[in-house]
Amino acid sequence: MSRFEWNCLRFAKAEVKKIVIGNPKSVPAGRYAERILKNLNLWEWSKTSSFFAEHVRQALDYVARNELDAAIVYSTDAIIRPKEVRIITKAPDKSHQPIVYPIG
């Protein structure tokens, strides 16, 4: 079992009871999180175990304050708060579309 698979199992078991993702209707990171959870067959579980944030930084705030157990966010956002959150795993490339940052 890979480290990623093990951490996904932790999500679906007792170690992680509540997660936060960006709202898939309005937050790009939330749409990626939804695709990842669906591809890992965790979307049904997440429907009763997740909260939606209005943006990625809000999701990180919930975890940093220990209000929720985990968040699915961009690693570039997670690494700016190394004292408050830690990255436990990264989603496999094939579990979501390539992440694109538009420049305007």
N, C-alpha and C. Protein backbone atom coordinates (compact mmCIF):
# COMPACT_ATOMS: atom_id res chain seq x y z
N MET A 1 0.85 -1.18 0.00
CA MET A 1 0.00 0.00 0.00
C MET A 1 0.89 1.24 0.00
N SER A 2 0.59 2.17 -0.90
CA SER A 2 1.39 3.38 -0.97
C SER A 2 1.04 4.32 0.18
N ARG A 3 1.92 5.27 0.42
CA ARG A 3 1.67 6.27 1.46
C ARG A 3 0.38 7.02 1.15
N PHE A 4 0.17 7.33 -0.13
CA PHE A 4 -1.05 8.05 -0.51
C PHE A 4 -2.29 7.22 -0.20
N GLU A 5 -2.29 5.95 -0.57
CA GLU A 5 -3.44 5.09 -0.30
C GLU A 5 -3.69 4.98 1.20
N TRP A 6 -2.62 4.87 1.97
CA TRP A 6 -2.76 4.78 3.43
C TRP A 6 -3.40 6.04 3.98
N ASN A 7 -2.95 7.20 3.51
CA ASN A 7 -3.53 8.45 3.98
C ASN A 7 -4.98 8.62 3.54
N CYS A 8 -5.33 8.12 2.36
CA CYS A 8 -6.72 8.15 1.93
C CYS A 8 -7.60 7.29 2.84
N LEU A 9 -7.07 6.16 3.23
CA LEU A 9 -7.81 5.31 4.17
C LEU A 9 -8.00 6.03 5.51
N ARG A 10 -7.00 6.76 5.94
CA ARG A 10 -7.12 7.54 7.18
C ARG A 10 -8.26 8.55 7.04
N PHE A 11 -8.41 9.14 5.84
CA PHE A 11 -9.50 10.08 5.62
C PHE A 11 -10.84 9.40 5.83
N ALA A 12 -10.97 8.20 5.37
CA ALA A 12 -12.25 7.50 5.41
C ALA A 12 -12.49 6.76 6.72
N LYS A 13 -11.53 6.75 7.59
CA LYS A 13 -11.66 6.05 8.86
C LYS A 13 -11.75 7.06 10.01
N ALA A 14 -11.59 6.60 11.20
CA ALA A 14 -11.81 7.42 12.39
C ALA A 14 -10.79 8.54 12.58
N GLU A 15 -9.60 8.43 12.02
CA GLU A 15 -8.58 9.45 12.28
C GLU A 15 -8.97 10.82 11.75
N VAL A 16 -9.68 10.87 10.66
CA VAL A 16 -10.15 12.12 10.10
C VAL A 16 -11.67 12.06 10.04
N LYS A 17 -12.29 12.83 10.92
CA LYS A 17 -13.75 12.80 10.99
C LYS A 17 -14.38 13.91 10.15
N LYS A 18 -13.72 15.06 10.09
CA LYS A 18 -14.28 16.21 9.36
C LYS A 18 -13.20 16.87 8.53
N ILE A 19 -13.51 17.10 7.25
CA ILE A 19 -12.58 17.78 6.36
C ILE A 19 -13.23 19.04 5.81
N VAL A 20 -12.42 19.89 5.26
CA VAL A 20 -12.91 21.10 4.62
C VAL A 20 -12.29 21.19 3.23
N ILE A 21 -13.13 21.57 2.28
CA ILE A 21 -12.66 21.82 0.92
C ILE A 21 -13.31 23.13 0.47
N GLY A 22 -12.75 23.72 -0.56
CA GLY A 22 -13.39 24.89 -1.14
C GLY A 22 -14.72 24.48 -1.75
N ASN A 23 -15.67 25.38 -1.71
CA ASN A 23 -16.98 25.10 -2.29
C ASN A 23 -16.81 24.83 -3.78
N PRO A 24 -17.13 23.61 -4.25
CA PRO A 24 -16.93 23.29 -5.66
C PRO A 24 -17.71 24.18 -6.62
N LYS A 25 -18.76 24.83 -6.14
CA LYS A 25 -19.56 25.70 -7.00
C LYS A 25 -18.87 27.03 -7.27
N SER A 26 -17.92 27.42 -6.40
CA SER A 26 -17.33 28.75 -6.57
C SER A 26 -15.81 28.81 -6.39
N VAL A 27 -15.19 27.72 -5.95
CA VAL A 27 -13.76 27.74 -5.65
C VAL A 27 -13.05 26.70 -6.53
N PRO A 28 -12.10 27.14 -7.36
CA PRO A 28 -11.41 26.17 -8.22
C PRO A 28 -10.78 25.01 -7.44
N ALA A 29 -10.16 25.28 -6.30
CA ALA A 29 -9.57 24.20 -5.50
C ALA A 29 -10.64 23.22 -5.03
N GLY A 30 -11.85 23.71 -4.81
CA GLY A 30 -12.95 22.84 -4.43
C GLY A 30 -13.36 21.90 -5.55
N ARG A 31 -13.31 22.41 -6.79
CA ARG A 31 -13.62 21.54 -7.94
C ARG A 31 -12.57 20.45 -8.09
N TYR A 32 -11.29 20.80 -7.89
CA TYR A 32 -10.24 19.77 -7.93
C TYR A 32 -10.45 18.77 -6.80
N ALA A 33 -10.77 19.26 -5.60
CA ALA A 33 -10.98 18.36 -4.46
C ALA A 33 -12.13 17.40 -4.72
N GLU A 34 -13.20 17.91 -5.31
CA GLU A 34 -14.35 17.05 -5.63
C GLU A 34 -13.93 15.95 -6.61
N ARG A 35 -13.19 16.32 -7.64
CA ARG A 35 -12.73 15.31 -8.61
C ARG A 35 -11.84 14.27 -7.95
N ILE A 36 -10.95 14.72 -7.10
CA ILE A 36 -10.04 13.80 -6.39
C ILE A 36 -10.85 12.83 -5.54
N LEU A 37 -11.76 13.36 -4.74
CA LEU A 37 -12.57 12.51 -3.86
C LEU A 37 -13.42 11.52 -4.67
N LYS A 38 -13.96 11.97 -5.78
CA LYS A 38 -14.75 11.06 -6.62
C LYS A 38 -13.86 9.97 -7.21
N ASN A 39 -12.69 10.35 -7.70
CA ASN A 39 -11.78 9.36 -8.29
C ASN A 39 -11.27 8.36 -7.27
N LEU A 40 -11.23 8.74 -6.02
CA LEU A 40 -10.76 7.84 -4.96
C LEU A 40 -11.92 7.13 -4.26
N ASN A 41 -13.13 7.29 -4.82
CA ASN A 41 -14.33 6.69 -4.23
C ASN A 41 -14.57 7.13 -2.79
N LEU A 42 -14.25 8.39 -2.51
CA LEU A 42 -14.48 8.96 -1.18
C LEU A 42 -15.52 10.07 -1.19
N TRP A 43 -16.10 10.35 -2.35
CA TRP A 43 -17.06 11.46 -2.43
C TRP A 43 -18.29 11.21 -1.57
N GLU A 44 -18.85 10.02 -1.60
CA GLU A 44 -20.03 9.73 -0.77
C GLU A 44 -19.71 9.90 0.70
N TRP A 45 -18.55 9.40 1.13
CA TRP A 45 -18.14 9.58 2.52
C TRP A 45 -18.02 11.06 2.84
N SER A 46 -17.44 11.83 1.91
CA SER A 46 -17.19 13.25 2.18
C SER A 46 -18.48 14.06 2.30
N LYS A 47 -19.55 13.60 1.71
CA LYS A 47 -20.82 14.34 1.77
C LYS A 47 -21.30 14.51 3.21
N THR A 48 -20.97 13.57 4.06
CA THR A 48 -21.39 13.67 5.46
C THR A 48 -20.25 14.08 6.37
N SER A 49 -19.07 14.24 5.81
CA SER A 49 -17.89 14.52 6.63
C SER A 49 -17.15 15.79 6.24
N SER A 50 -17.70 16.57 5.31
CA SER A 50 -16.95 17.74 4.86
C SER A 50 -17.75 19.03 5.00
N PHE A 51 -16.99 20.09 5.08
CA PHE A 51 -17.53 21.44 5.11
C PHE A 51 -16.97 22.18 3.91
N PHE A 52 -17.69 23.18 3.43
CA PHE A 52 -17.21 23.98 2.31
C PHE A 52 -16.72 25.32 2.81
N ALA A 53 -15.58 25.74 2.28
CA ALA A 53 -15.03 27.05 2.58
C ALA A 53 -15.21 27.94 1.35
N GLU A 54 -15.20 29.24 1.57
CA GLU A 54 -15.37 30.17 0.47
C GLU A 54 -14.08 30.43 -0.30
N HIS A 55 -12.95 30.03 0.29
CA HIS A 55 -11.66 30.13 -0.40
C HIS A 55 -10.66 29.24 0.33
N VAL A 56 -9.54 28.96 -0.32
CA VAL A 56 -8.55 28.03 0.22
C VAL A 56 -7.99 28.51 1.55
N ARG A 57 -7.72 29.77 1.69
CA ARG A 57 -7.14 30.28 2.94
C ARG A 57 -8.11 30.07 4.11
N GLN A 58 -9.40 30.18 3.87
CA GLN A 58 -10.38 29.90 4.91
C GLN A 58 -10.32 28.43 5.32
N ALA A 59 -10.18 27.56 4.33
CA ALA A 59 -10.06 26.12 4.63
C ALA A 59 -8.85 25.88 5.53
N LEU A 60 -7.73 26.50 5.21
CA LEU A 60 -6.53 26.35 6.04
C LEU A 60 -6.75 26.90 7.44
N ASP A 61 -7.48 28.00 7.55
CA ASP A 61 -7.77 28.58 8.87
C ASP A 61 -8.50 27.59 9.76
N TYR A 62 -9.49 26.88 9.20
CA TYR A 62 -10.22 25.89 10.00
C TYR A 62 -9.28 24.83 10.56
N VAL A 63 -8.36 24.36 9.75
CA VAL A 63 -7.42 23.32 10.20
C VAL A 63 -6.41 23.90 11.18
N ALA A 64 -5.91 25.09 10.90
CA ALA A 64 -4.92 25.73 11.77
C ALA A 64 -5.49 25.96 13.17
N ARG A 65 -6.79 26.24 13.25
CA ARG A 65 -7.44 26.46 14.55
C ARG A 65 -7.96 25.16 15.17
N ASN A 66 -7.65 24.03 14.54
CA ASN A 66 -8.10 22.70 15.01
C ASN A 66 -9.61 22.57 15.07
N GLU A 67 -10.31 23.30 14.23
CA GLU A 67 -11.76 23.19 14.17
C GLU A 67 -12.18 22.01 13.29
N LEU A 68 -11.34 21.67 12.31
CA LEU A 68 -11.57 20.53 11.44
C LEU A 68 -10.27 19.75 11.33
N ASP A 69 -10.38 18.48 10.97
CA ASP A 69 -9.21 17.59 10.98
C ASP A 69 -8.27 17.77 9.80
N ALA A 70 -8.81 18.07 8.62
CA ALA A 70 -7.97 18.12 7.43
C ALA A 70 -8.63 18.99 6.37
N ALA A 71 -7.82 19.40 5.40
CA ALA A 71 -8.31 20.18 4.27
C ALA A 71 -7.66 19.65 3.01
N ILE A 72 -8.36 19.79 1.91
CA ILE A 72 -7.77 19.50 0.61
C ILE A 72 -7.56 20.85 -0.06
N VAL A 73 -6.29 21.24 -0.16
CA VAL A 73 -5.92 22.56 -0.68
C VAL A 73 -4.71 22.42 -1.60
N TYR A 74 -4.37 23.49 -2.28
CA TYR A 74 -3.14 23.51 -3.07
C TYR A 74 -1.95 23.44 -2.12
N SER A 75 -0.94 22.69 -2.47
CA SER A 75 0.25 22.61 -1.61
C SER A 75 0.93 23.96 -1.49
N THR A 76 0.82 24.80 -2.52
CA THR A 76 1.44 26.13 -2.45
C THR A 76 0.81 26.99 -1.36
N ASP A 77 -0.44 26.74 -1.05
CA ASP A 77 -1.09 27.46 0.05
C ASP A 77 -0.70 26.84 1.39
N ALA A 78 -0.63 25.53 1.45
CA ALA A 78 -0.31 24.85 2.71
C ALA A 78 1.10 25.16 3.19
N ILE A 79 2.05 25.30 2.28
CA ILE A 79 3.44 25.50 2.71
C ILE A 79 3.71 26.88 3.32
N ILE A 80 2.77 27.81 3.17
CA ILE A 80 3.00 29.12 3.78
C ILE A 80 2.64 29.14 5.26
N ARG A 81 2.10 28.03 5.77
CA ARG A 81 1.72 27.96 7.19
C ARG A 81 2.34 26.72 7.85
N PRO A 82 3.66 26.57 7.77
CA PRO A 82 4.30 25.34 8.25
C PRO A 82 4.18 25.10 9.76
N LYS A 83 3.95 26.14 10.54
CA LYS A 83 3.82 25.95 11.98
C LYS A 83 2.42 25.53 12.39
N GLU A 84 1.46 25.71 11.48
CA GLU A 84 0.06 25.45 11.83
C GLU A 84 -0.54 24.24 11.13
N VAL A 85 -0.06 23.93 9.94
CA VAL A 85 -0.59 22.79 9.19
C VAL A 85 0.56 22.00 8.59
N ARG A 86 0.28 20.75 8.28
CA ARG A 86 1.30 19.94 7.62
C ARG A 86 0.66 19.18 6.47
N ILE A 87 1.44 18.94 5.46
CA ILE A 87 0.97 18.19 4.30
C ILE A 87 1.17 16.71 4.61
N ILE A 88 0.08 15.94 4.58
CA ILE A 88 0.21 14.51 4.88
C ILE A 88 0.32 13.68 3.61
N THR A 89 -0.17 14.20 2.49
CA THR A 89 -0.05 13.48 1.23
C THR A 89 -0.39 14.41 0.08
N LYS A 90 -0.09 13.99 -1.11
CA LYS A 90 -0.45 14.73 -2.31
C LYS A 90 -1.27 13.82 -3.21
N ALA A 91 -2.23 14.41 -3.88
CA ALA A 91 -3.10 13.63 -4.78
C ALA A 91 -2.31 13.18 -6.00
N PRO A 92 -2.54 11.95 -6.44
CA PRO A 92 -1.88 11.49 -7.67
C PRO A 92 -2.30 12.36 -8.86
N ASP A 93 -1.40 12.57 -9.77
CA ASP A 93 -1.69 13.40 -10.95
C ASP A 93 -2.92 12.93 -11.70
N LYS A 94 -3.12 11.64 -11.78
CA LYS A 94 -4.24 11.11 -12.56
C LYS A 94 -5.58 11.20 -11.83
N SER A 95 -5.60 11.69 -10.58
CA SER A 95 -6.85 11.79 -9.84
C SER A 95 -7.59 13.10 -10.11
N HIS A 96 -6.97 13.99 -10.90
CA HIS A 96 -7.60 15.27 -11.21
C HIS A 96 -6.99 15.81 -12.50
N GLN A 97 -7.65 16.79 -13.06
CA GLN A 97 -7.09 17.45 -14.25
C GLN A 97 -5.87 18.25 -13.84
N PRO A 98 -4.99 18.57 -14.79
CA PRO A 98 -3.83 19.42 -14.45
C PRO A 98 -4.29 20.74 -13.84
N ILE A 99 -3.61 21.17 -12.81
CA ILE A 99 -3.96 22.42 -12.14
C ILE A 99 -3.37 23.57 -12.94
N VAL A 100 -4.24 24.51 -13.28
CA VAL A 100 -3.86 25.64 -14.09
C VAL A 100 -4.12 26.92 -13.31
N TYR A 101 -3.13 27.77 -13.22
CA TYR A 101 -3.28 29.08 -12.58
C TYR A 101 -3.39 30.13 -13.69
N PRO A 102 -4.58 30.70 -13.90
CA PRO A 102 -4.71 31.72 -14.94
C PRO A 102 -3.98 33.00 -14.53
N ILE A 103 -3.42 33.68 -15.51
CA ILE A 103 -2.75 34.95 -15.27
C ILE A 103 -3.49 36.00 -16.08
N GLY A 104 -3.83 37.08 -15.39
CA GLY A 104 -4.62 38.11 -16.08
C GLY A 104 -3.87 39.39 -16.26
